Amino acid sequence: NVPAADTEASLRGVILRARFDGRETILCPVGDFFGTGPGLHELKSWARTVDTNGTMTCRWIMPYRSSAEITLLNTGSNDVPVRLSVAADKWDWDARSMHFHCTWRSQDGIRTRPFSDWNYLDAKGRGVYVGDTLVVRNPVAKWWGEGDEKAWVDGEKFPSHYGTGTEDHYGYAWGNPTPFQGPFCNQPAAQKDNIGLTVNTRTRVLDAVTFKKSLKYDIEIWHWADCTMSYSTACYWYAVPGATVNRKVQ
């Protein structure tokens, strides 16, 4: 359980790290990994659940050939009591098997003018993209989410997936300033007039993005106001051993 008085700092300050077969593939703040972002916000999705009592559950399968190691690193100044449990079963590793990855990026001070693309992920290798969590801090009472998502698969010159807006990407098709739940698209945190903290998360099942050589995934920064934003994203994906990514992994 996370202390209620320090929930936001704890969920950002405690880092989830996981190594499979000797290689680290998960490096992400706990709150972003589970889809609640900074602060404890209820989430009911296909792959993850966050309860208001602080219990967070992940149901993504994480295969490995011979070894797995999961670590929680507290980078904050306060003690955070944690109870961690893992369910394990037999897995027959073969040529189709992939390791689970979660990579995180955060940036403050993003100018909304001129419009620009913000990178979620740039991975090399063979894999499957299965979702993401976006955390936004908006300083003004204007809609921030007109930006289109774009996916370049296997080095193509023009993105084969070109979306119609962040609000469509996260499943509500309009600037909805209220929390909502669904199996594959969720908004566990939102504020009146779209100001302040918003958390969106998406789980891809039938619409997972497969790639043989590479995947580049961006979101466009498109805000109705000229201001400064904060963006953070956790990306969930599988890849065969040897895949590389433009985020910190070891």
C-alpha atoms as a PDB file:
ATOM      1  CA  ASN A   1       0.000   0.000   0.000  1.00  0.00           C
ATOM      2  CA  VAL A   2       1.122   3.553  -0.757  1.00  0.00           C
ATOM      3  CA  PRO A   3       0.813   6.195   1.997  1.00  0.00           C
ATOM      4  CA  ALA A   4      -2.205   8.376   1.170  1.00  0.00           C
ATOM      5  CA  ALA A   5      -0.415  11.593   2.136  1.00  0.00           C
ATOM      6  CA  ASP A   6       2.373  10.936  -0.370  1.00  0.00           C
ATOM      7  CA  THR A   7       0.597   8.979  -3.087  1.00  0.00           C
ATOM      8  CA  GLU A   8       1.624  11.054  -6.092  1.00  0.00           C
ATOM      9  CA  ALA A   9       5.305  11.223  -5.160  1.00  0.00           C
ATOM     10  CA  SER A  10       5.389   7.531  -4.267  1.00  0.00           C
ATOM     11  CA  LEU A  11       3.792   6.301  -7.485  1.00  0.00           C
ATOM     12  CA  ARG A  12       6.247   8.351  -9.513  1.00  0.00           C
ATOM     13  CA  GLY A  13       9.231   7.804  -7.244  1.00  0.00           C
ATOM     14  CA  VAL A  14       9.008   4.010  -7.026  1.00  0.00           C
ATOM     15  CA  ILE A  15      10.393   2.493 -10.224  1.00  0.00           C
ATOM     16  CA  LEU A  16       9.430  -0.958 -11.482  1.00  0.00           C
ATOM     17  CA  ARG A  17      12.326  -2.805 -13.090  1.00  0.00           C
ATOM     18  CA  ALA A  18      12.258  -6.275 -14.604  1.00  0.00           C
ATOM     19  CA  ARG A  19      14.915  -8.436 -16.231  1.00  0.00           C
ATOM     20  CA  PHE A  20      14.083 -11.454 -18.349  1.00  0.00           C
ATOM     21  CA  ASP A  21      16.828 -13.879 -19.343  1.00  0.00           C
ATOM     22  CA  GLY A  22      19.447 -11.406 -18.132  1.00  0.00           C
ATOM     23  CA  ARG A  23      18.190  -8.312 -19.936  1.00  0.00           C
ATOM     24  CA  GLU A  24      16.192  -5.441 -18.486  1.00  0.00           C
ATOM     25  CA  THR A  25      13.017  -4.814 -20.510  1.00  0.00           C
ATOM     26  CA  ILE A  26      10.842  -2.931 -17.994  1.00  0.00           C
ATOM     27  CA  LEU A  27      11.867   0.413 -16.527  1.00  0.00           C
ATOM     28  CA  CYS A  28       8.906   2.579 -15.528  1.00  0.00           C
ATOM     29  CA  PRO A  29       7.378   4.381 -12.523  1.00  0.00           C
ATOM     30  CA  VAL A  30       4.866   2.113 -10.820  1.00  0.00           C
ATOM     31  CA  GLY A  31       1.885   4.422 -11.318  1.00  0.00           C
ATOM     32  CA  ASP A  32       2.512   4.860 -15.042  1.00  0.00           C
ATOM     33  CA  PHE A  33       3.118   1.131 -15.540  1.00  0.00           C
ATOM     34  CA  PHE A  34      -0.250   0.198 -14.034  1.00  0.00           C
ATOM     35  CA  GLY A  35      -2.085   3.034 -15.800  1.00  0.00           C
ATOM     36  CA  THR A  36      -3.004   5.219 -12.842  1.00  0.00           C
ATOM     37  CA  GLY A  37      -0.244   7.790 -13.425  1.00  0.00           C
ATOM     38  CA  PRO A  38       0.830  10.025 -10.544  1.00  0.00           C
ATOM     39  CA  GLY A  39      -1.787   9.662  -7.860  1.00  0.00           C
ATOM     40  CA  LEU A  40      -4.091   6.765  -7.081  1.00  0.00           C
ATOM     41  CA  HIS A  41      -6.930   6.667  -9.643  1.00  0.00           C
ATOM     42  CA  GLU A  42      -9.272   3.734 -10.082  1.00  0.00           C
ATOM     43  CA  LEU A  43      -8.705   1.728 -13.278  1.00  0.00           C
ATOM     44  CA  LYS A  44     -10.700  -1.207 -14.637  1.00  0.00           C
ATOM     45  CA  SER A  45      -9.226  -2.455 -17.892  1.00  0.00           C
ATOM     46  CA  TRP A  46      -8.582  -5.724 -19.705  1.00  0.00           C
ATOM     47  CA  ALA A  47      -4.889  -5.899 -18.792  1.00  0.00           C
ATOM     48  CA  ARG A  48      -4.669  -3.904 -15.560  1.00  0.00           C
ATOM     49  CA  THR A  49      -6.716  -3.012 -12.491  1.00  0.00           C
ATOM     50  CA  VAL A  50      -6.091  -0.298  -9.891  1.00  0.00           C
ATOM     51  CA  ASP A  51      -8.251  -0.307  -6.760  1.00  0.00           C
ATOM     52  CA  THR A  52      -8.806   2.676  -4.497  1.00  0.00           C
ATOM     53  CA  ASN A  53      -7.212   0.738  -1.611  1.00  0.00           C
ATOM     54  CA  GLY A  54      -3.873   0.833  -3.451  1.00  0.00           C
ATOM     55  CA  THR A  55      -3.942  -2.675  -4.940  1.00  0.00           C
ATOM     56  CA  MET A  56      -2.601  -2.687  -8.508  1.00  0.00           C
ATOM     57  CA  THR A  57      -2.808  -5.737 -10.761  1.00  0.00           C
ATOM     58  CA  CYS A  58      -1.222  -6.435 -14.153  1.00  0.00           C
ATOM     59  CA  ARG A  59      -2.401  -9.355 -16.309  1.00  0.00           C
ATOM     60  CA  TRP A  60       0.002  -9.108 -19.244  1.00  0.00           C
ATOM     61  CA  ILE A  61       1.836 -12.391 -19.774  1.00  0.00           C
ATOM     62  CA  MET A  62       5.619 -11.987 -19.504  1.00  0.00           C
ATOM     63  CA  PRO A  63       7.381 -15.036 -20.982  1.00  0.00           C
ATOM     64  CA  TYR A  64      11.014 -15.927 -20.362  1.00  0.00           C
ATOM     65  CA  ARG A  65      13.300 -18.786 -21.272  1.00  0.00           C
ATOM     66  CA  SER A  66      15.245 -19.371 -18.053  1.00  0.00           C
ATOM     67  CA  SER A  67      15.202 -16.433 -15.596  1.00  0.00           C
ATOM     68  CA  ALA A  68      13.144 -13.467 -14.417  1.00  0.00           C
ATOM     69  CA  GLU A  69      13.880 -10.765 -11.854  1.00  0.00           C
ATOM     70  CA  ILE A  70      11.465  -8.047 -10.701  1.00  0.00           C
ATOM     71  CA  THR A  71      12.724  -5.131  -8.591  1.00  0.00           C
ATOM     72  CA  LEU A  72      11.143  -2.052  -7.040  1.00  0.00           C
ATOM     73  CA  LEU A  73      13.511   0.902  -6.667  1.00  0.00           C
ATOM     74  CA  ASN A  74      12.481   3.730  -4.354  1.00  0.00           C
ATOM     75  CA  THR A  75      14.049   6.954  -5.635  1.00  0.00           C
ATOM     76  CA  GLY A  76      12.144   9.149  -3.160  1.00  0.00           C
ATOM     77  CA  SER A  77      13.023  10.313   0.332  1.00  0.00           C
ATOM     78  CA  ASN A  78      10.191   8.532   2.182  1.00  0.00           C
ATOM     79  CA  ASP A  79       9.741   4.854   2.958  1.00  0.00           C
ATOM     80  CA  VAL A  80       7.049   3.171   0.853  1.00  0.00           C
ATOM     81  CA  PRO A  81       5.636  -0.094   2.241  1.00  0.00           C
ATOM     82  CA  VAL A  82       4.963  -2.540  -0.595  1.00  0.00           C
ATOM     83  CA  ARG A  83       3.600  -6.053  -0.894  1.00  0.00           C
ATOM     84  CA  LEU A  84       4.488  -7.691  -4.199  1.00  0.00           C
ATOM     85  CA  SER A  85       3.266 -11.010  -5.583  1.00  0.00           C
ATOM     86  CA  VAL A  86       3.838 -12.747  -8.924  1.00  0.00           C
ATOM     87  CA  ALA A  87       1.897 -15.597 -10.542  1.00  0.00           C
ATOM     88  CA  ALA A  88       4.093 -18.002 -12.529  1.00  0.00           C
ATOM     89  CA  ASP A  89       3.376 -21.008 -14.712  1.00  0.00           C
ATOM     90  CA  LYS A  90       5.171 -23.151 -17.285  1.00  0.00           C
ATOM     91  CA  TRP A  91       6.025 -21.594 -20.649  1.00  0.00           C
ATOM     92  CA  ASP A  92       7.400 -23.546 -23.615  1.00  0.00           C
ATOM     93  CA  TRP A  93       9.823 -21.040 -25.108  1.00  0.00           C
ATOM     94  CA  ASP A  94      10.158 -21.318 -28.892  1.00  0.00           C
ATOM     95  CA  ALA A  95      11.033 -19.194 -31.928  1.00  0.00           C
ATOM     96  CA  ARG A  96       7.770 -17.236 -31.649  1.00  0.00           C
ATOM     97  CA  SER A  97       8.225 -16.289 -27.987  1.00  0.00           C
ATOM     98  CA  MET A  98       8.807 -12.658 -27.056  1.00  0.00           C
ATOM     99  CA  HIS A  99       9.814 -10.745 -23.952  1.00  0.00           C
ATOM    100  CA  PHE A 100       7.436  -8.124 -22.534  1.00  0.00           C
ATOM    101  CA  HIS A 101       8.718  -4.517 -22.542  1.00  0.00           C
ATOM    102  CA  CYS A 102       7.588  -1.323 -20.865  1.00  0.00           C
ATOM    103  CA  THR A 103       9.534   1.848 -21.627  1.00  0.00           C
ATOM    104  CA  TRP A 104       8.814   5.309 -20.244  1.00  0.00           C
ATOM    105  CA  ARG A 105       9.428   8.859 -21.396  1.00  0.00           C
ATOM    106  CA  SER A 106       8.680  12.140 -19.603  1.00  0.00           C
ATOM    107  CA  GLN A 107       9.220  15.740 -20.671  1.00  0.00           C
ATOM    108  CA  ASP A 108       8.284  19.075 -19.126  1.00  0.00           C
ATOM    109  CA  GLY A 109       8.242  22.463 -20.807  1.00  0.00           C
ATOM    110  CA  ILE A 110       6.878  21.355 -24.194  1.00  0.00           C
ATOM    111  CA  ARG A 111       5.771  24.344 -26.251  1.00  0.00           C
ATOM    112  CA  THR A 112       2.500  23.892 -28.129  1.00  0.00           C
ATOM    113  CA  ARG A 113       3.613  26.241 -30.899  1.00  0.00           C
ATOM    114  CA  PRO A 114       4.671  25.361 -33.479  1.00  0.00           C
ATOM    115  CA  PHE A 115       2.780  22.040 -33.634  1.00  0.00           C
ATOM    116  CA  SER A 116       5.163  19.104 -33.390  1.00  0.00           C
ATOM    117  CA  ASP A 117       5.302  15.322 -33.119  1.00  0.00           C
ATOM    118  CA  TRP A 118       6.324  13.781 -29.787  1.00  0.00           C
ATOM    119  CA  ASN A 119       7.851  10.319 -29.914  1.00  0.00           C
ATOM    120  CA  TYR A 120       6.408   7.468 -27.857  1.00  0.00           C
ATOM    121  CA  LEU A 121       8.660   4.688 -29.087  1.00  0.00           C
ATOM    122  CA  ASP A 122      11.292   3.843 -31.679  1.00  0.00           C
ATOM    123  CA  ALA A 123      12.023   0.112 -31.546  1.00  0.00           C
ATOM    124  CA  LYS A 124      14.153  -2.094 -33.773  1.00  0.00           C
ATOM    125  CA  GLY A 125      13.509  -5.834 -34.117  1.00  0.00           C
ATOM    126  CA  ARG A 126      10.425  -8.028 -34.428  1.00  0.00           C
ATOM    127  CA  GLY A 127       7.572  -7.406 -32.039  1.00  0.00           C
ATOM    128  CA  VAL A 128       4.018  -6.398 -31.187  1.00  0.00           C
ATOM    129  CA  TYR A 129       2.835  -3.065 -29.738  1.00  0.00           C
ATOM    130  CA  VAL A 130       0.026  -3.635 -27.213  1.00  0.00           C
ATOM    131  CA  GLY A 131      -0.763  -0.272 -25.640  1.00  0.00           C
ATOM    132  CA  ASP A 132       0.307   2.847 -23.796  1.00  0.00           C
ATOM    133  CA  THR A 133      -0.483   5.224 -20.943  1.00  0.00           C
ATOM    134  CA  LEU A 134      -0.370   8.982 -21.472  1.00  0.00           C
ATOM    135  CA  VAL A 135      -0.114  11.478 -18.606  1.00  0.00           C
ATOM    136  CA  VAL A 136      -0.658  15.144 -19.462  1.00  0.00           C
ATOM    137  CA  ARG A 137      -0.498  18.295 -17.363  1.00  0.00           C
ATOM    138  CA  ASN A 138      -2.370  21.156 -19.008  1.00  0.00           C
ATOM    139  CA  PRO A 139      -1.965  24.669 -17.538  1.00  0.00           C
ATOM    140  CA  VAL A 140      -4.970  26.308 -19.222  1.00  0.00           C
ATOM    141  CA  ALA A 141      -8.705  25.659 -19.650  1.00  0.00           C
ATOM    142  CA  LYS A 142      -8.411  24.813 -23.334  1.00  0.00           C
ATOM    143  CA  TRP A 143      -8.591  21.486 -25.156  1.00  0.00           C
ATOM    144  CA  TRP A 144      -5.154  19.940 -25.632  1.00  0.00           C
ATOM    145  CA  GLY A 145      -5.839  16.673 -27.496  1.00  0.00           C
ATOM    146  CA  GLU A 146      -6.245  17.391 -31.219  1.00  0.00           C
ATOM    147  CA  GLY A 147      -2.909  15.744 -32.015  1.00  0.00           C
ATOM    148  CA  ASP A 148      -2.867  12.737 -34.384  1.00  0.00           C
ATOM    149  CA  GLU A 149      -1.092   9.485 -33.580  1.00  0.00           C
ATOM    150  CA  LYS A 150       1.241   8.111 -36.263  1.00  0.00           C
ATOM    151  CA  ALA A 151       2.856   4.686 -36.631  1.00  0.00           C
ATOM    152  CA  TRP A 152       5.644   3.880 -39.065  1.00  0.00           C
ATOM    153  CA  VAL A 153       6.014   0.101 -39.452  1.00  0.00           C
ATOM    154  CA  ASP A 154       9.176  -1.578 -40.769  1.00  0.00           C
ATOM    155  CA  GLY A 155      10.811   1.638 -41.970  1.00  0.00           C
ATOM    156  CA  GLU A 156       8.015   2.907 -44.212  1.00  0.00           C
ATOM    157  CA  LYS A 157       8.367   6.505 -45.422  1.00  0.00           C
ATOM    158  CA  PHE A 158       4.773   7.481 -44.626  1.00  0.00           C
ATOM    159  CA  PRO A 159       2.952   6.184 -41.518  1.00  0.00           C
ATOM    160  CA  SER A 160       0.585   3.311 -42.333  1.00  0.00           C
ATOM    161  CA  HIS A 161      -1.453   4.318 -39.293  1.00  0.00           C
ATOM    162  CA  TYR A 162      -2.384   8.014 -39.190  1.00  0.00           C
ATOM    163  CA  GLY A 163      -4.996   8.853 -36.568  1.00  0.00           C
ATOM    164  CA  THR A 164      -7.539  11.627 -36.235  1.00  0.00           C
ATOM    165  CA  GLY A 165      -6.808  12.945 -32.755  1.00  0.00           C
ATOM    166  CA  THR A 166      -5.598  11.989 -29.309  1.00  0.00           C
ATOM    167  CA  GLU A 167      -9.189  11.826 -28.069  1.00  0.00           C
ATOM    168  CA  ASP A 168      -9.992   9.223 -30.747  1.00  0.00           C
ATOM    169  CA  HIS A 169      -6.837   7.269 -29.969  1.00  0.00           C
ATOM    170  CA  TYR A 170      -7.962   6.910 -26.340  1.00  0.00           C
ATOM    171  CA  GLY A 171     -11.517   6.004 -27.179  1.00  0.00           C
ATOM    172  CA  TYR A 172     -13.836   8.920 -26.454  1.00  0.00           C
ATOM    173  CA  ALA A 173     -13.955  10.781 -29.784  1.00  0.00           C
ATOM    174  CA  TRP A 174     -14.361  14.208 -28.159  1.00  0.00           C
ATOM    175  CA  GLY A 175     -12.668  16.233 -25.435  1.00  0.00           C
ATOM    176  CA  ASN A 176     -14.254  14.529 -22.429  1.00  0.00           C
ATOM    177  CA  PRO A 177     -13.164  16.128 -19.125  1.00  0.00           C
ATOM    178  CA  THR A 178     -14.560  13.317 -16.937  1.00  0.00           C
ATOM    179  CA  PRO A 179     -13.094   9.968 -15.861  1.00  0.00           C
ATOM    180  CA  PHE A 180     -14.430   6.849 -17.618  1.00  0.00           C
ATOM    181  CA  GLN A 181     -13.732   3.109 -17.720  1.00  0.00           C
ATOM    182  CA  GLY A 182     -13.749   0.516 -20.491  1.00  0.00           C
ATOM    183  CA  PRO A 183     -12.010  -2.778 -21.253  1.00  0.00           C
ATOM    184  CA  PHE A 184      -9.539  -1.265 -23.732  1.00  0.00           C
ATOM    185  CA  CYS A 185      -9.714   2.538 -23.329  1.00  0.00           C
ATOM    186  CA  ASN A 186      -9.767   4.338 -19.981  1.00  0.00           C
ATOM    187  CA  GLN A 187      -9.469   7.828 -18.573  1.00  0.00           C
ATOM    188  CA  PRO A 188      -8.826   7.243 -14.874  1.00  0.00           C
ATOM    189  CA  ALA A 189      -8.044  10.906 -14.159  1.00  0.00           C
ATOM    190  CA  ALA A 190      -9.474  14.093 -15.685  1.00  0.00           C
ATOM    191  CA  GLN A 191     -10.325  17.591 -14.515  1.00  0.00           C
ATOM    192  CA  LYS A 192     -13.036  20.136 -15.300  1.00  0.00           C
ATOM    193  CA  ASP A 193     -12.358  22.178 -18.452  1.00  0.00           C
ATOM    194  CA  ASN A 194      -9.424  19.836 -19.260  1.00  0.00           C
ATOM    195  CA  ILE A 195      -7.097  21.826 -17.009  1.00  0.00           C
ATOM    196  CA  GLY A 196      -4.542  20.089 -14.800  1.00  0.00           C
ATOM    197  CA  LEU A 197      -3.863  16.353 -14.771  1.00  0.00           C
ATOM    198  CA  THR A 198      -5.290  13.939 -17.349  1.00  0.00           C
ATOM    199  CA  VAL A 199      -4.424  10.237 -17.552  1.00  0.00           C
ATOM    200  CA  ASN A 200      -5.387   8.129 -20.584  1.00  0.00           C
ATOM    201  CA  THR A 201      -4.531   4.490 -21.188  1.00  0.00           C
ATOM    202  CA  ARG A 202      -5.193   2.103 -24.074  1.00  0.00           C
ATOM    203  CA  THR A 203      -4.878  -1.669 -24.307  1.00  0.00           C
ATOM    204  CA  ARG A 204      -4.523  -3.185 -27.797  1.00  0.00           C
ATOM    205  CA  VAL A 205      -5.733  -6.763 -28.349  1.00  0.00           C
ATOM    206  CA  LEU A 206      -7.234  -7.341 -31.805  1.00  0.00           C
ATOM    207  CA  ASP A 207      -5.745  -3.999 -32.896  1.00  0.00           C
ATOM    208  CA  ALA A 208      -2.197  -4.706 -31.682  1.00  0.00           C
ATOM    209  CA  VAL A 209       0.465  -3.327 -34.039  1.00  0.00           C
ATOM    210  CA  THR A 210       2.799  -6.043 -35.339  1.00  0.00           C
ATOM    211  CA  PHE A 211       6.186  -5.243 -36.848  1.00  0.00           C
ATOM    212  CA  LYS A 212       8.951  -7.347 -38.396  1.00  0.00           C
ATOM    213  CA  LYS A 213      11.868  -4.902 -38.396  1.00  0.00           C
ATOM    214  CA  SER A 214      10.940  -1.681 -36.601  1.00  0.00           C
ATOM    215  CA  LEU A 215       8.207   0.502 -35.161  1.00  0.00           C
ATOM    216  CA  LYS A 216       8.191   4.261 -34.710  1.00  0.00           C
ATOM    217  CA  TYR A 217       5.176   5.634 -32.821  1.00  0.00           C
ATOM    218  CA  ASP A 218       4.488   9.374 -32.336  1.00  0.00           C
ATOM    219  CA  ILE A 219       1.712  11.616 -31.055  1.00  0.00           C
ATOM    220  CA  GLU A 220       1.208  15.151 -32.324  1.00  0.00           C
ATOM    221  CA  ILE A 221       1.252  18.054 -29.850  1.00  0.00           C
ATOM    222  CA  TRP A 222      -1.838  20.002 -30.958  1.00  0.00           C
ATOM    223  CA  HIS A 223      -3.357  22.372 -28.414  1.00  0.00           C
ATOM    224  CA  TRP A 224      -5.927  25.121 -28.890  1.00  0.00           C
ATOM    225  CA  ALA A 225      -3.764  27.453 -26.762  1.00  0.00           C
ATOM    226  CA  ASP A 226      -0.171  28.626 -27.044  1.00  0.00           C
ATOM    227  CA  CYS A 227       1.235  27.350 -23.758  1.00  0.00           C
ATOM    228  CA  THR A 228       3.695  24.934 -22.135  1.00  0.00           C
ATOM    229  CA  MET A 229       2.719  21.313 -21.493  1.00  0.00           C
ATOM    230  CA  SER A 230       4.038  18.255 -19.660  1.00  0.00           C
ATOM    231  CA  TYR A 231       3.820  14.838 -21.331  1.00  0.00           C
ATOM    232  CA  SER A 232       4.723  11.376 -20.028  1.00  0.00           C
ATOM    233  CA  THR A 233       4.089   8.057 -21.697  1.00  0.00           C
ATOM    234  CA  ALA A 234       4.556   4.387 -20.843  1.00  0.00           C
ATOM    235  CA  CYS A 235       4.591   2.048 -23.856  1.00  0.00           C
ATOM    236  CA  TYR A 236       3.795  -1.663 -23.606  1.00  0.00           C
ATOM    237  CA  TRP A 237       5.172  -4.003 -26.251  1.00  0.00           C
ATOM    238  CA  TYR A 238       6.597  -7.442 -26.911  1.00  0.00           C
ATOM    239  CA  ALA A 239       9.764  -8.217 -28.868  1.00  0.00           C
ATOM    240  CA  VAL A 240      12.052 -11.115 -29.678  1.00  0.00           C
ATOM    241  CA  PRO A 241      15.436 -11.223 -27.895  1.00  0.00           C
ATOM    242  CA  GLY A 242      17.871  -8.708 -29.323  1.00  0.00           C
ATOM    243  CA  ALA A 243      15.382  -5.926 -29.987  1.00  0.00           C
ATOM    244  CA  THR A 244      16.567  -2.386 -29.211  1.00  0.00           C
ATOM    245  CA  VAL A 245      14.707   0.789 -28.245  1.00  0.00           C
ATOM    246  CA  ASN A 246      15.425   4.519 -27.894  1.00  0.00           C
ATOM    247  CA  ARG A 247      14.813   4.522 -24.140  1.00  0.00           C
ATOM    248  CA  LYS A 248      17.019   3.608 -21.228  1.00  0.00           C
ATOM    249  CA  VAL A 249      17.374  -0.161 -20.898  1.00  0.00           C
ATOM    250  CA  GLN A 250      20.315  -2.340 -19.914  1.00  0.00           C
END
